[in-house]
Amino acid sequence: MIFVYILLGLVVFITMYLVVIIFLPILSVKQQPLNRVIGSVASIPDCREYVEYPVNGDTIRSWLYIPPDRKGPVPCIILCNGFGGTKDIVLEKYALGFVAEGFGALALEYRHFGESDGDPRQIFSFRKQEEDIRASIAYVRSEERFNPDQIIIWGTSAGGVYGINMAAEDHGIAGVIAQCTGLDHKKDSNLVMKREGISYLLRLIVHAQRDKGRGRFNLSEHTVPLVGKPGTLAMLIAPGAHEGYSGMVPETSLFENKICARALLDTYHNDPVKNAPEVKSPALICVCEKDEIVAPDSHVRVAEILGEKVTVRKYPIGHFEIYRGHHFDKAFRDQIDFLKEIL
């Protein structure tokens, strides 16, 4: 009987807790605006086209880049951005570089972000983003200007995991490029837990429960800052992360520094470690040895499984340094060399 009372009391407590968390306006989060890169509005490159294609009833709106002097179908690199990224952050710099080398490129705009459909806004989902990449692959294969047998999946940061997963299920993918990405969930989670502590995680869980619960009742989403300074409440508070994002986001960007808190509870893990044995195509992994966001050895298990199919390039830099200056030039040159070798 005592056990029954304890169980009943626990059920009542959890119910009341969820009612308070979901329905009452008791949780507020301080916004953390970014110091955006101020400058004149960049002109639209002649090689860039605005394209749309469907996925599960929604529309993806991406940027397509075509080499102006192509003589026939060319290889295409599908560019997959990092956590919360929009197509107007970082990707065009790579796309224009690939076009200069004779490759086509598609800067993917994930659903729920930027100009692509998806409601509510600012939802991060590994499952949905992989669906977006599959739709992008299908679109590129339907385009007569591209060689359907020469599609490369390129991903950076959180988007770097997708290449391994896509190549594992689609053996028509010609190659994978993954830079500064976490490929071992266990090692990356341990890094965050060691650095941020359990109190940080528990605080975020409360916000995630509120957002998840409100979604189930079709109420407005509950967001937290996507990136913040160390010691604050945000989904990503690694040292240098706030400054790193600030240095990449243009003044005119569609990027918003907020994310639906339910992202913390996203349990869909198409694990690259488990999928790596199915990969048949060559892969290039670019590792930042002083990475603040992912474990510097996060690539090791996947690289060991891929064996002779993988090329690993290491750079003595932090997570965000690979996007600028001579570090960008060096890593990008390695990527071009890899593409010319495999294609």
C-alpha atoms as a PDB file:
ATOM      1  CA  MET A   1       0.000   0.000   0.000  1.00  0.00           C
ATOM      2  CA  ILE A   2       2.830   2.389   0.847  1.00  0.00           C
ATOM      3  CA  PHE A   3       4.346   1.668  -2.545  1.00  0.00           C
ATOM      4  CA  VAL A   4       1.035   2.582  -4.225  1.00  0.00           C
ATOM      5  CA  TYR A   5       0.896   5.908  -2.367  1.00  0.00           C
ATOM      6  CA  ILE A   6       4.500   6.667  -3.295  1.00  0.00           C
ATOM      7  CA  LEU A   7       3.822   5.852  -6.944  1.00  0.00           C
ATOM      8  CA  LEU A   8       0.640   7.941  -6.958  1.00  0.00           C
ATOM      9  CA  GLY A   9       2.461  10.856  -5.348  1.00  0.00           C
ATOM     10  CA  LEU A  10       5.223  10.603  -7.928  1.00  0.00           C
ATOM     11  CA  VAL A  11       2.703  10.663 -10.785  1.00  0.00           C
ATOM     12  CA  VAL A  12       0.964  13.713  -9.297  1.00  0.00           C
ATOM     13  CA  PHE A  13       4.302  15.504  -8.817  1.00  0.00           C
ATOM     14  CA  ILE A  14       5.466  14.831 -12.390  1.00  0.00           C
ATOM     15  CA  THR A  15       2.095  15.920 -13.776  1.00  0.00           C
ATOM     16  CA  MET A  16       2.120  19.172 -11.820  1.00  0.00           C
ATOM     17  CA  TYR A  17       5.742  19.782 -12.785  1.00  0.00           C
ATOM     18  CA  LEU A  18       4.958  19.385 -16.483  1.00  0.00           C
ATOM     19  CA  VAL A  19       1.840  21.554 -16.250  1.00  0.00           C
ATOM     20  CA  VAL A  20       3.848  24.348 -14.666  1.00  0.00           C
ATOM     21  CA  ILE A  21       6.793  23.975 -17.057  1.00  0.00           C
ATOM     22  CA  ILE A  22       4.683  23.747 -20.222  1.00  0.00           C
ATOM     23  CA  PHE A  23       1.868  26.214 -19.633  1.00  0.00           C
ATOM     24  CA  LEU A  24       3.040  28.892 -17.194  1.00  0.00           C
ATOM     25  CA  PRO A  25       5.343  31.719 -18.382  1.00  0.00           C
ATOM     26  CA  ILE A  26       7.947  31.117 -15.691  1.00  0.00           C
ATOM     27  CA  LEU A  27      11.030  30.459 -17.813  1.00  0.00           C
ATOM     28  CA  SER A  28      12.795  33.352 -19.479  1.00  0.00           C
ATOM     29  CA  VAL A  29      16.149  33.305 -21.226  1.00  0.00           C
ATOM     30  CA  LYS A  30      18.363  36.299 -21.834  1.00  0.00           C
ATOM     31  CA  GLN A  31      19.009  36.864 -25.525  1.00  0.00           C
ATOM     32  CA  GLN A  32      22.619  37.027 -26.707  1.00  0.00           C
ATOM     33  CA  PRO A  33      22.898  39.001 -29.939  1.00  0.00           C
ATOM     34  CA  LEU A  34      25.920  38.441 -32.127  1.00  0.00           C
ATOM     35  CA  ASN A  35      28.370  41.098 -33.228  1.00  0.00           C
ATOM     36  CA  ARG A  36      27.654  40.644 -36.910  1.00  0.00           C
ATOM     37  CA  VAL A  37      30.203  41.358 -39.616  1.00  0.00           C
ATOM     38  CA  ILE A  38      29.375  44.840 -40.877  1.00  0.00           C
ATOM     39  CA  GLY A  39      30.042  45.675 -44.510  1.00  0.00           C
ATOM     40  CA  SER A  40      28.528  46.485 -47.849  1.00  0.00           C
ATOM     41  CA  VAL A  41      26.007  44.066 -49.303  1.00  0.00           C
ATOM     42  CA  ALA A  42      27.818  41.531 -51.462  1.00  0.00           C
ATOM     43  CA  SER A  43      26.762  41.353 -55.086  1.00  0.00           C
ATOM     44  CA  ILE A  44      25.145  38.173 -56.369  1.00  0.00           C
ATOM     45  CA  PRO A  45      27.728  36.077 -58.244  1.00  0.00           C
ATOM     46  CA  ASP A  46      26.904  35.424 -61.898  1.00  0.00           C
ATOM     47  CA  CYS A  47      27.343  31.694 -61.319  1.00  0.00           C
ATOM     48  CA  ARG A  48      24.694  31.537 -58.549  1.00  0.00           C
ATOM     49  CA  GLU A  49      21.082  30.513 -59.102  1.00  0.00           C
ATOM     50  CA  TYR A  50      18.162  30.435 -56.665  1.00  0.00           C
ATOM     51  CA  VAL A  51      16.564  26.970 -56.710  1.00  0.00           C
ATOM     52  CA  GLU A  52      13.601  25.301 -55.012  1.00  0.00           C
ATOM     53  CA  TYR A  53      12.708  21.634 -54.591  1.00  0.00           C
ATOM     54  CA  PRO A  54      10.249  19.724 -52.393  1.00  0.00           C
ATOM     55  CA  VAL A  55      10.670  17.501 -49.361  1.00  0.00           C
ATOM     56  CA  ASN A  56       7.696  15.999 -47.510  1.00  0.00           C
ATOM     57  CA  GLY A  57       5.306  18.778 -48.510  1.00  0.00           C
ATOM     58  CA  ASP A  58       7.726  21.617 -47.740  1.00  0.00           C
ATOM     59  CA  THR A  59      10.004  23.573 -50.049  1.00  0.00           C
ATOM     60  CA  ILE A  60      13.770  23.864 -49.706  1.00  0.00           C
ATOM     61  CA  ARG A  61      15.264  27.086 -51.074  1.00  0.00           C
ATOM     62  CA  SER A  62      18.956  26.738 -51.797  1.00  0.00           C
ATOM     63  CA  TRP A  63      21.673  28.369 -53.887  1.00  0.00           C
ATOM     64  CA  LEU A  64      23.075  26.541 -56.906  1.00  0.00           C
ATOM     65  CA  TYR A  65      26.465  27.368 -58.432  1.00  0.00           C
ATOM     66  CA  ILE A  66      27.394  26.468 -62.029  1.00  0.00           C
ATOM     67  CA  PRO A  67      30.883  26.882 -63.573  1.00  0.00           C
ATOM     68  CA  PRO A  68      30.479  29.424 -66.387  1.00  0.00           C
ATOM     69  CA  ASP A  69      32.836  27.633 -68.773  1.00  0.00           C
ATOM     70  CA  ARG A  70      31.646  24.053 -68.307  1.00  0.00           C
ATOM     71  CA  LYS A  71      31.791  21.834 -71.412  1.00  0.00           C
ATOM     72  CA  GLY A  72      29.316  19.216 -70.164  1.00  0.00           C
ATOM     73  CA  PRO A  73      27.951  17.664 -66.983  1.00  0.00           C
ATOM     74  CA  VAL A  74      30.221  18.488 -64.038  1.00  0.00           C
ATOM     75  CA  PRO A  75      30.647  17.035 -60.552  1.00  0.00           C
ATOM     76  CA  CYS A  76      28.546  18.676 -57.827  1.00  0.00           C
ATOM     77  CA  ILE A  77      29.428  19.262 -54.182  1.00  0.00           C
ATOM     78  CA  ILE A  78      26.415  19.438 -51.851  1.00  0.00           C
ATOM     79  CA  LEU A  79      27.361  21.821 -49.026  1.00  0.00           C
ATOM     80  CA  CYS A  80      25.864  21.039 -45.605  1.00  0.00           C
ATOM     81  CA  ASN A  81      26.180  23.774 -42.985  1.00  0.00           C
ATOM     82  CA  GLY A  82      26.773  23.460 -39.253  1.00  0.00           C
ATOM     83  CA  PHE A  83      24.497  23.908 -36.243  1.00  0.00           C
ATOM     84  CA  GLY A  84      21.780  26.452 -37.045  1.00  0.00           C
ATOM     85  CA  GLY A  85      23.620  27.730 -40.100  1.00  0.00           C
ATOM     86  CA  THR A  86      21.890  29.385 -43.038  1.00  0.00           C
ATOM     87  CA  LYS A  87      23.099  29.244 -46.624  1.00  0.00           C
ATOM     88  CA  ASP A  88      24.437  32.802 -46.473  1.00  0.00           C
ATOM     89  CA  ILE A  89      27.007  31.915 -43.803  1.00  0.00           C
ATOM     90  CA  VAL A  90      30.361  30.423 -44.887  1.00  0.00           C
ATOM     91  CA  LEU A  91      28.997  28.232 -47.693  1.00  0.00           C
ATOM     92  CA  GLU A  92      29.298  30.708 -50.573  1.00  0.00           C
ATOM     93  CA  LYS A  93      32.996  31.124 -49.943  1.00  0.00           C
ATOM     94  CA  TYR A  94      33.483  27.403 -50.486  1.00  0.00           C
ATOM     95  CA  ALA A  95      31.022  27.234 -53.384  1.00  0.00           C
ATOM     96  CA  LEU A  96      32.830  29.970 -55.337  1.00  0.00           C
ATOM     97  CA  GLY A  97      36.130  28.233 -54.701  1.00  0.00           C
ATOM     98  CA  PHE A  98      34.778  24.964 -56.053  1.00  0.00           C
ATOM     99  CA  VAL A  99      33.300  26.702 -59.105  1.00  0.00           C
ATOM    100  CA  ALA A 100      36.699  28.258 -59.861  1.00  0.00           C
ATOM    101  CA  GLU A 101      38.081  24.712 -60.016  1.00  0.00           C
ATOM    102  CA  GLY A 102      35.372  23.535 -62.421  1.00  0.00           C
ATOM    103  CA  PHE A 103      32.964  21.926 -59.942  1.00  0.00           C
ATOM    104  CA  GLY A 104      29.312  22.726 -59.382  1.00  0.00           C
ATOM    105  CA  ALA A 105      27.977  23.315 -55.865  1.00  0.00           C
ATOM    106  CA  LEU A 106      24.681  23.409 -54.010  1.00  0.00           C
ATOM    107  CA  ALA A 107      24.483  25.467 -50.790  1.00  0.00           C
ATOM    108  CA  LEU A 108      21.702  23.662 -48.932  1.00  0.00           C
ATOM    109  CA  GLU A 109      19.228  25.621 -46.788  1.00  0.00           C
ATOM    110  CA  TYR A 110      17.800  23.194 -44.231  1.00  0.00           C
ATOM    111  CA  ARG A 111      14.098  23.269 -43.453  1.00  0.00           C
ATOM    112  CA  HIS A 112      13.069  25.448 -40.476  1.00  0.00           C
ATOM    113  CA  PHE A 113      15.969  27.835 -41.171  1.00  0.00           C
ATOM    114  CA  GLY A 114      16.557  30.807 -43.446  1.00  0.00           C
ATOM    115  CA  GLU A 115      14.309  30.928 -46.509  1.00  0.00           C
ATOM    116  CA  SER A 116      13.281  27.265 -46.515  1.00  0.00           C
ATOM    117  CA  ASP A 117       9.863  26.132 -45.304  1.00  0.00           C
ATOM    118  CA  GLY A 118       9.266  24.521 -41.947  1.00  0.00           C
ATOM    119  CA  ASP A 119       7.104  25.506 -39.021  1.00  0.00           C
ATOM    120  CA  PRO A 120       7.827  26.239 -36.249  1.00  0.00           C
ATOM    121  CA  ARG A 121      11.040  28.027 -37.065  1.00  0.00           C
ATOM    122  CA  GLN A 122      14.511  27.270 -35.720  1.00  0.00           C
ATOM    123  CA  ILE A 123      14.001  23.536 -35.133  1.00  0.00           C
ATOM    124  CA  PHE A 124      17.176  21.461 -35.338  1.00  0.00           C
ATOM    125  CA  SER A 125      16.623  17.809 -36.239  1.00  0.00           C
ATOM    126  CA  PHE A 126      19.234  15.327 -37.475  1.00  0.00           C
ATOM    127  CA  ARG A 127      16.483  13.211 -39.030  1.00  0.00           C
ATOM    128  CA  LYS A 128      14.902  16.092 -40.942  1.00  0.00           C
ATOM    129  CA  GLN A 129      18.231  17.452 -42.128  1.00  0.00           C
ATOM    130  CA  GLU A 130      19.188  14.053 -43.513  1.00  0.00           C
ATOM    131  CA  GLU A 131      15.848  14.039 -45.345  1.00  0.00           C
ATOM    132  CA  ASP A 132      16.784  17.457 -46.750  1.00  0.00           C
ATOM    133  CA  ILE A 133      20.111  16.093 -47.981  1.00  0.00           C
ATOM    134  CA  ARG A 134      18.403  13.119 -49.655  1.00  0.00           C
ATOM    135  CA  ALA A 135      16.082  15.562 -51.423  1.00  0.00           C
ATOM    136  CA  SER A 136      19.104  17.634 -52.473  1.00  0.00           C
ATOM    137  CA  ILE A 137      20.838  14.549 -53.872  1.00  0.00           C
ATOM    138  CA  ALA A 138      17.715  13.696 -55.875  1.00  0.00           C
ATOM    139  CA  TYR A 139      17.522  17.265 -57.178  1.00  0.00           C
ATOM    140  CA  VAL A 140      21.159  17.304 -58.287  1.00  0.00           C
ATOM    141  CA  ARG A 141      20.770  13.931 -60.013  1.00  0.00           C
ATOM    142  CA  SER A 142      17.809  15.321 -61.946  1.00  0.00           C
ATOM    143  CA  GLU A 143      19.867  18.282 -63.187  1.00  0.00           C
ATOM    144  CA  GLU A 144      21.373  17.595 -66.620  1.00  0.00           C
ATOM    145  CA  ARG A 145      24.209  20.035 -65.926  1.00  0.00           C
ATOM    146  CA  PHE A 146      25.639  17.674 -63.287  1.00  0.00           C
ATOM    147  CA  ASN A 147      27.157  14.226 -63.540  1.00  0.00           C
ATOM    148  CA  PRO A 148      24.874  12.032 -61.365  1.00  0.00           C
ATOM    149  CA  ASP A 149      27.786   9.684 -60.632  1.00  0.00           C
ATOM    150  CA  GLN A 150      30.003  12.480 -59.278  1.00  0.00           C
ATOM    151  CA  ILE A 151      28.129  13.862 -56.274  1.00  0.00           C
ATOM    152  CA  ILE A 152      30.163  14.793 -53.208  1.00  0.00           C
ATOM    153  CA  ILE A 153      28.664  15.367 -49.739  1.00  0.00           C
ATOM    154  CA  TRP A 154      30.588  18.167 -48.017  1.00  0.00           C
ATOM    155  CA  GLY A 155      29.791  19.062 -44.422  1.00  0.00           C
ATOM    156  CA  THR A 156      31.230  21.311 -41.767  1.00  0.00           C
ATOM    157  CA  SER A 157      30.895  21.177 -37.973  1.00  0.00           C
ATOM    158  CA  ALA A 158      27.524  19.573 -37.086  1.00  0.00           C
ATOM    159  CA  GLY A 159      26.872  19.045 -40.808  1.00  0.00           C
ATOM    160  CA  GLY A 160      29.996  16.929 -41.195  1.00  0.00           C
ATOM    161  CA  VAL A 161      28.354  13.765 -39.889  1.00  0.00           C
ATOM    162  CA  TYR A 162      25.921  13.640 -42.796  1.00  0.00           C
ATOM    163  CA  GLY A 163      28.422  12.666 -45.470  1.00  0.00           C
ATOM    164  CA  ILE A 164      29.352   9.407 -43.753  1.00  0.00           C
ATOM    165  CA  ASN A 165      25.691   8.553 -43.138  1.00  0.00           C
ATOM    166  CA  MET A 166      24.611   9.375 -46.699  1.00  0.00           C
ATOM    167  CA  ALA A 167      27.501   7.455 -48.282  1.00  0.00           C
ATOM    168  CA  ALA A 168      26.680   4.438 -46.103  1.00  0.00           C
ATOM    169  CA  GLU A 169      23.125   4.214 -47.463  1.00  0.00           C
ATOM    170  CA  ASP A 170      23.735   5.524 -50.995  1.00  0.00           C
ATOM    171  CA  HIS A 171      26.684   3.857 -52.704  1.00  0.00           C
ATOM    172  CA  GLY A 172      26.269   6.183 -55.658  1.00  0.00           C
ATOM    173  CA  ILE A 173      27.857   9.001 -53.640  1.00  0.00           C
ATOM    174  CA  ALA A 174      31.298   9.599 -55.133  1.00  0.00           C
ATOM    175  CA  GLY A 175      32.991  11.012 -52.050  1.00  0.00           C
ATOM    176  CA  VAL A 176      32.713  12.661 -48.646  1.00  0.00           C
ATOM    177  CA  ILE A 177      34.401  15.715 -47.125  1.00  0.00           C
ATOM    178  CA  ALA A 178      33.921  16.347 -43.406  1.00  0.00           C
ATOM    179  CA  GLN A 179      35.664  19.204 -41.617  1.00  0.00           C
ATOM    180  CA  CYS A 180      35.870  20.085 -37.902  1.00  0.00           C
ATOM    181  CA  THR A 181      33.056  17.663 -37.144  1.00  0.00           C
ATOM    182  CA  GLY A 182      32.106  15.322 -34.310  1.00  0.00           C
ATOM    183  CA  LEU A 183      31.954  11.735 -35.557  1.00  0.00           C
ATOM    184  CA  ASP A 184      31.898  10.017 -32.157  1.00  0.00           C
ATOM    185  CA  HIS A 185      28.858  11.031 -30.083  1.00  0.00           C
ATOM    186  CA  LYS A 186      30.208   9.443 -26.900  1.00  0.00           C
ATOM    187  CA  LYS A 187      33.505  11.317 -26.956  1.00  0.00           C
ATOM    188  CA  ASP A 188      31.853  14.627 -27.849  1.00  0.00           C
ATOM    189  CA  SER A 189      29.219  14.252 -25.103  1.00  0.00           C
ATOM    190  CA  ASN A 190      31.900  13.461 -22.547  1.00  0.00           C
ATOM    191  CA  LEU A 191      33.782  16.601 -23.563  1.00  0.00           C
ATOM    192  CA  VAL A 192      30.693  18.790 -23.037  1.00  0.00           C
ATOM    193  CA  MET A 193      29.819  17.130 -19.725  1.00  0.00           C
ATOM    194  CA  LYS A 194      33.355  17.525 -18.409  1.00  0.00           C
ATOM    195  CA  ARG A 195      33.563  21.173 -19.435  1.00  0.00           C
ATOM    196  CA  GLU A 196      30.043  22.442 -18.680  1.00  0.00           C
ATOM    197  CA  GLY A 197      29.014  20.188 -15.796  1.00  0.00           C
ATOM    198  CA  ILE A 198      25.744  18.528 -14.829  1.00  0.00           C
ATOM    199  CA  SER A 199      24.066  21.752 -13.675  1.00  0.00           C
ATOM    200  CA  TYR A 200      24.292  23.204 -17.198  1.00  0.00           C
ATOM    201  CA  LEU A 201      22.695  20.089 -18.648  1.00  0.00           C
ATOM    202  CA  LEU A 202      19.873  20.032 -16.080  1.00  0.00           C
ATOM    203  CA  ARG A 203      19.023  23.681 -16.747  1.00  0.00           C
ATOM    204  CA  LEU A 204      18.812  23.026 -20.486  1.00  0.00           C
ATOM    205  CA  ILE A 205      16.689  19.905 -19.948  1.00  0.00           C
ATOM    206  CA  VAL A 206      14.019  21.974 -18.191  1.00  0.00           C
ATOM    207  CA  HIS A 207      13.829  24.347 -21.160  1.00  0.00           C
ATOM    208  CA  ALA A 208      13.833  21.421 -23.584  1.00  0.00           C
ATOM    209  CA  GLN A 209      10.919  19.809 -21.732  1.00  0.00           C
ATOM    210  CA  ARG A 210       8.963  23.056 -21.917  1.00  0.00           C
ATOM    211  CA  ASP A 211       9.529  23.380 -25.657  1.00  0.00           C
ATOM    212  CA  LYS A 212       8.786  19.701 -26.340  1.00  0.00           C
ATOM    213  CA  GLY A 213       5.607  19.827 -24.272  1.00  0.00           C
ATOM    214  CA  ARG A 214       4.378  23.017 -25.900  1.00  0.00           C
ATOM    215  CA  GLY A 215       4.945  21.415 -29.283  1.00  0.00           C
ATOM    216  CA  ARG A 216       2.731  18.476 -28.343  1.00  0.00           C
ATOM    217  CA  PHE A 217      -0.082  20.879 -27.450  1.00  0.00           C
ATOM    218  CA  ASN A 218       0.469  22.918 -30.643  1.00  0.00           C
ATOM    219  CA  LEU A 219       1.556  25.960 -28.650  1.00  0.00           C
ATOM    220  CA  SER A 220       4.248  28.466 -29.613  1.00  0.00           C
ATOM    221  CA  GLU A 221       7.809  27.216 -29.487  1.00  0.00           C
ATOM    222  CA  HIS A 222      10.184  27.929 -26.604  1.00  0.00           C
ATOM    223  CA  THR A 223      13.665  28.952 -27.722  1.00  0.00           C
ATOM    224  CA  VAL A 224      17.041  29.483 -26.128  1.00  0.00           C
ATOM    225  CA  PRO A 225      20.095  31.190 -27.650  1.00  0.00           C
ATOM    226  CA  LEU A 226      21.819  28.926 -30.129  1.00  0.00           C
ATOM    227  CA  VAL A 227      25.258  30.127 -29.115  1.00  0.00           C
ATOM    228  CA  GLY A 228      26.301  32.026 -26.018  1.00  0.00           C
ATOM    229  CA  LYS A 229      29.248  33.001 -23.891  1.00  0.00           C
ATOM    230  CA  PRO A 230      30.688  30.557 -21.330  1.00  0.00           C
ATOM    231  CA  GLY A 231      28.646  30.395 -18.126  1.00  0.00           C
ATOM    232  CA  THR A 232      25.422  31.630 -19.765  1.00  0.00           C
ATOM    233  CA  LEU A 233      22.381  29.620 -20.822  1.00  0.00           C
ATOM    234  CA  ALA A 234      22.599  28.686 -24.504  1.00  0.00           C
ATOM    235  CA  MET A 235      22.698  25.482 -26.494  1.00  0.00           C
ATOM    236  CA  LEU A 236      26.369  26.010 -27.310  1.00  0.00           C
ATOM    237  CA  ILE A 237      28.632  27.799 -24.813  1.00  0.00           C
ATOM    238  CA  ALA A 238      32.074  26.396 -25.599  1.00  0.00           C
ATOM    239  CA  PRO A 239      34.952  28.874 -25.260  1.00  0.00           C
ATOM    240  CA  GLY A 240      35.210  30.997 -28.383  1.00  0.00           C
ATOM    241  CA  ALA A 241      31.878  29.828 -29.837  1.00  0.00           C
ATOM    242  CA  HIS A 242      30.056  33.157 -29.487  1.00  0.00           C
ATOM    243  CA  GLU A 243      32.996  35.031 -30.974  1.00  0.00           C
ATOM    244  CA  GLY A 244      33.373  32.396 -33.687  1.00  0.00           C
ATOM    245  CA  TYR A 245      29.786  32.731 -34.863  1.00  0.00           C
ATOM    246  CA  SER A 246      30.017  36.517 -34.631  1.00  0.00           C
ATOM    247  CA  GLY A 247      32.985  36.473 -36.998  1.00  0.00           C
ATOM    248  CA  MET A 248      31.067  34.498 -39.634  1.00  0.00           C
ATOM    249  CA  VAL A 249      27.572  36.013 -39.682  1.00  0.00           C
ATOM    250  CA  PRO A 250      27.162  38.912 -42.151  1.00  0.00           C
ATOM    251  CA  GLU A 251      25.096  41.942 -41.227  1.00  0.00           C
ATOM    252  CA  THR A 252      22.454  40.969 -43.804  1.00  0.00           C
ATOM    253  CA  SER A 253      22.321  37.268 -42.908  1.00  0.00           C
ATOM    254  CA  LEU A 254      19.102  35.323 -42.316  1.00  0.00           C
ATOM    255  CA  PHE A 255      20.755  33.667 -39.315  1.00  0.00           C
ATOM    256  CA  GLU A 256      18.975  33.974 -35.954  1.00  0.00           C
ATOM    257  CA  ASN A 257      20.769  33.308 -32.697  1.00  0.00           C
ATOM    258  CA  LYS A 258      18.054  31.125 -31.225  1.00  0.00           C
ATOM    259  CA  ILE A 259      17.061  27.479 -31.399  1.00  0.00           C
ATOM    260  CA  CYS A 260      14.044  25.482 -30.246  1.00  0.00           C
ATOM    261  CA  ALA A 261      15.109  24.018 -26.913  1.00  0.00           C
ATOM    262  CA  ARG A 262      13.738  20.582 -27.848  1.00  0.00           C
ATOM    263  CA  ALA A 263      16.919  20.103 -29.909  1.00  0.00           C
ATOM    264  CA  LEU A 264      18.549  18.854 -26.703  1.00  0.00           C
ATOM    265  CA  LEU A 265      16.120  15.913 -26.693  1.00  0.00           C
ATOM    266  CA  ASP A 266      16.710  14.984 -30.337  1.00  0.00           C
ATOM    267  CA  THR A 267      17.384  11.252 -29.902  1.00  0.00           C
ATOM    268  CA  TYR A 268      17.776  10.456 -33.611  1.00  0.00           C
ATOM    269  CA  HIS A 269      21.398   9.474 -33.983  1.00  0.00           C
ATOM    270  CA  ASN A 270      22.204   7.944 -37.345  1.00  0.00           C
ATOM    271  CA  ASP A 271      25.562   7.086 -35.831  1.00  0.00           C
ATOM    272  CA  PRO A 272      28.514   7.502 -38.239  1.00  0.00           C
ATOM    273  CA  VAL A 273      30.553   4.998 -36.199  1.00  0.00           C
ATOM    274  CA  LYS A 274      27.934   2.317 -36.815  1.00  0.00           C
ATOM    275  CA  ASN A 275      27.427   3.360 -40.444  1.00  0.00           C
ATOM    276  CA  ALA A 276      31.092   3.637 -41.430  1.00  0.00           C
ATOM    277  CA  PRO A 277      31.475  -0.083 -42.363  1.00  0.00           C
ATOM    278  CA  GLU A 278      28.896   0.432 -45.135  1.00  0.00           C
ATOM    279  CA  VAL A 279      30.745   3.351 -46.755  1.00  0.00           C
ATOM    280  CA  LYS A 280      32.248   2.441 -50.129  1.00  0.00           C
ATOM    281  CA  SER A 281      33.352   5.868 -51.347  1.00  0.00           C
ATOM    282  CA  PRO A 282      36.571   7.729 -50.431  1.00  0.00           C
ATOM    283  CA  ALA A 283      36.409  10.278 -47.631  1.00  0.00           C
ATOM    284  CA  LEU A 284      38.470  13.263 -46.482  1.00  0.00           C
ATOM    285  CA  ILE A 285      38.320  14.235 -42.801  1.00  0.00           C
ATOM    286  CA  CYS A 286      39.775  17.633 -41.865  1.00  0.00           C
ATOM    287  CA  VAL A 287      40.571  17.792 -38.146  1.00  0.00           C
ATOM    288  CA  CYS A 288      41.169  20.907 -36.040  1.00  0.00           C
ATOM    289  CA  GLU A 289      43.586  19.682 -33.380  1.00  0.00           C
ATOM    290  CA  LYS A 290      42.683  22.483 -30.929  1.00  0.00           C
ATOM    291  CA  ASP A 291      38.935  22.198 -31.520  1.00  0.00           C
ATOM    292  CA  GLU A 292      36.827  23.752 -28.745  1.00  0.00           C
ATOM    293  CA  ILE A 293      33.504  22.316 -29.950  1.00  0.00           C
ATOM    294  CA  VAL A 294      34.179  18.628 -30.604  1.00  0.00           C
ATOM    295  CA  ALA A 295      36.697  16.186 -29.167  1.00  0.00           C
ATOM    296  CA  PRO A 296      39.927  16.427 -31.183  1.00  0.00           C
ATOM    297  CA  ASP A 297      39.997  12.606 -31.444  1.00  0.00           C
ATOM    298  CA  SER A 298      36.310  12.336 -32.367  1.00  0.00           C
ATOM    299  CA  HIS A 299      37.293  11.184 -35.865  1.00  0.00           C
ATOM    300  CA  VAL A 300      39.508   8.270 -34.799  1.00  0.00           C
ATOM    301  CA  ARG A 301      37.013   5.398 -34.684  1.00  0.00           C
ATOM    302  CA  VAL A 302      35.425   6.287 -38.030  1.00  0.00           C
ATOM    303  CA  ALA A 303      38.852   6.714 -39.633  1.00  0.00           C
ATOM    304  CA  GLU A 304      39.959   3.311 -38.327  1.00  0.00           C
ATOM    305  CA  ILE A 305      36.852   1.662 -39.782  1.00  0.00           C
ATOM    306  CA  LEU A 306      37.186   3.380 -43.170  1.00  0.00           C
ATOM    307  CA  GLY A 307      40.822   2.312 -43.400  1.00  0.00           C
ATOM    308  CA  GLU A 308      42.334   2.872 -46.836  1.00  0.00           C
ATOM    309  CA  LYS A 309      39.235   4.740 -48.024  1.00  0.00           C
ATOM    310  CA  VAL A 310      39.903   7.719 -45.738  1.00  0.00           C
ATOM    311  CA  THR A 311      42.383  10.574 -45.855  1.00  0.00           C
ATOM    312  CA  VAL A 312      42.855  12.519 -42.617  1.00  0.00           C
ATOM    313  CA  ARG A 313      44.337  16.005 -42.627  1.00  0.00           C
ATOM    314  CA  LYS A 314      45.125  17.722 -39.334  1.00  0.00           C
ATOM    315  CA  TYR A 315      45.606  21.420 -38.621  1.00  0.00           C
ATOM    316  CA  PRO A 316      46.972  22.937 -35.360  1.00  0.00           C
ATOM    317  CA  ILE A 317      44.001  25.314 -35.006  1.00  0.00           C
ATOM    318  CA  GLY A 318      40.699  25.840 -33.230  1.00  0.00           C
ATOM    319  CA  HIS A 319      37.207  25.111 -34.537  1.00  0.00           C
ATOM    320  CA  PHE A 320      36.538  28.471 -36.192  1.00  0.00           C
ATOM    321  CA  GLU A 321      40.008  29.209 -37.565  1.00  0.00           C
ATOM    322  CA  ILE A 322      39.483  26.821 -40.467  1.00  0.00           C
ATOM    323  CA  TYR A 323      37.029  29.316 -41.997  1.00  0.00           C
ATOM    324  CA  ARG A 324      39.459  32.184 -42.475  1.00  0.00           C
ATOM    325  CA  GLY A 325      42.921  33.307 -43.552  1.00  0.00           C
ATOM    326  CA  HIS A 326      45.723  30.959 -44.497  1.00  0.00           C
ATOM    327  CA  HIS A 327      44.131  28.145 -42.460  1.00  0.00           C
ATOM    328  CA  PHE A 328      41.150  28.249 -44.808  1.00  0.00           C
ATOM    329  CA  ASP A 329      43.470  28.350 -47.822  1.00  0.00           C
ATOM    330  CA  LYS A 330      45.432  25.310 -46.640  1.00  0.00           C
ATOM    331  CA  ALA A 331      42.384  23.183 -45.792  1.00  0.00           C
ATOM    332  CA  PHE A 332      40.564  24.175 -48.971  1.00  0.00           C
ATOM    333  CA  ARG A 333      43.600  23.290 -51.075  1.00  0.00           C
ATOM    334  CA  ASP A 334      43.641  19.865 -49.443  1.00  0.00           C
ATOM    335  CA  GLN A 335      39.961  19.458 -50.346  1.00  0.00           C
ATOM    336  CA  ILE A 336      40.565  20.408 -53.980  1.00  0.00           C
ATOM    337  CA  ASP A 337      43.484  17.962 -54.199  1.00  0.00           C
ATOM    338  CA  PHE A 338      41.253  15.227 -52.752  1.00  0.00           C
ATOM    339  CA  LEU A 339      38.468  15.937 -55.257  1.00  0.00           C
ATOM    340  CA  LYS A 340      40.826  15.930 -58.232  1.00  0.00           C
ATOM    341  CA  GLU A 341      42.302  12.645 -57.075  1.00  0.00           C
ATOM    342  CA  ILE A 342      39.010  10.783 -56.650  1.00  0.00           C
ATOM    343  CA  LEU A 343      37.188  12.284 -59.662  1.00  0.00           C
END
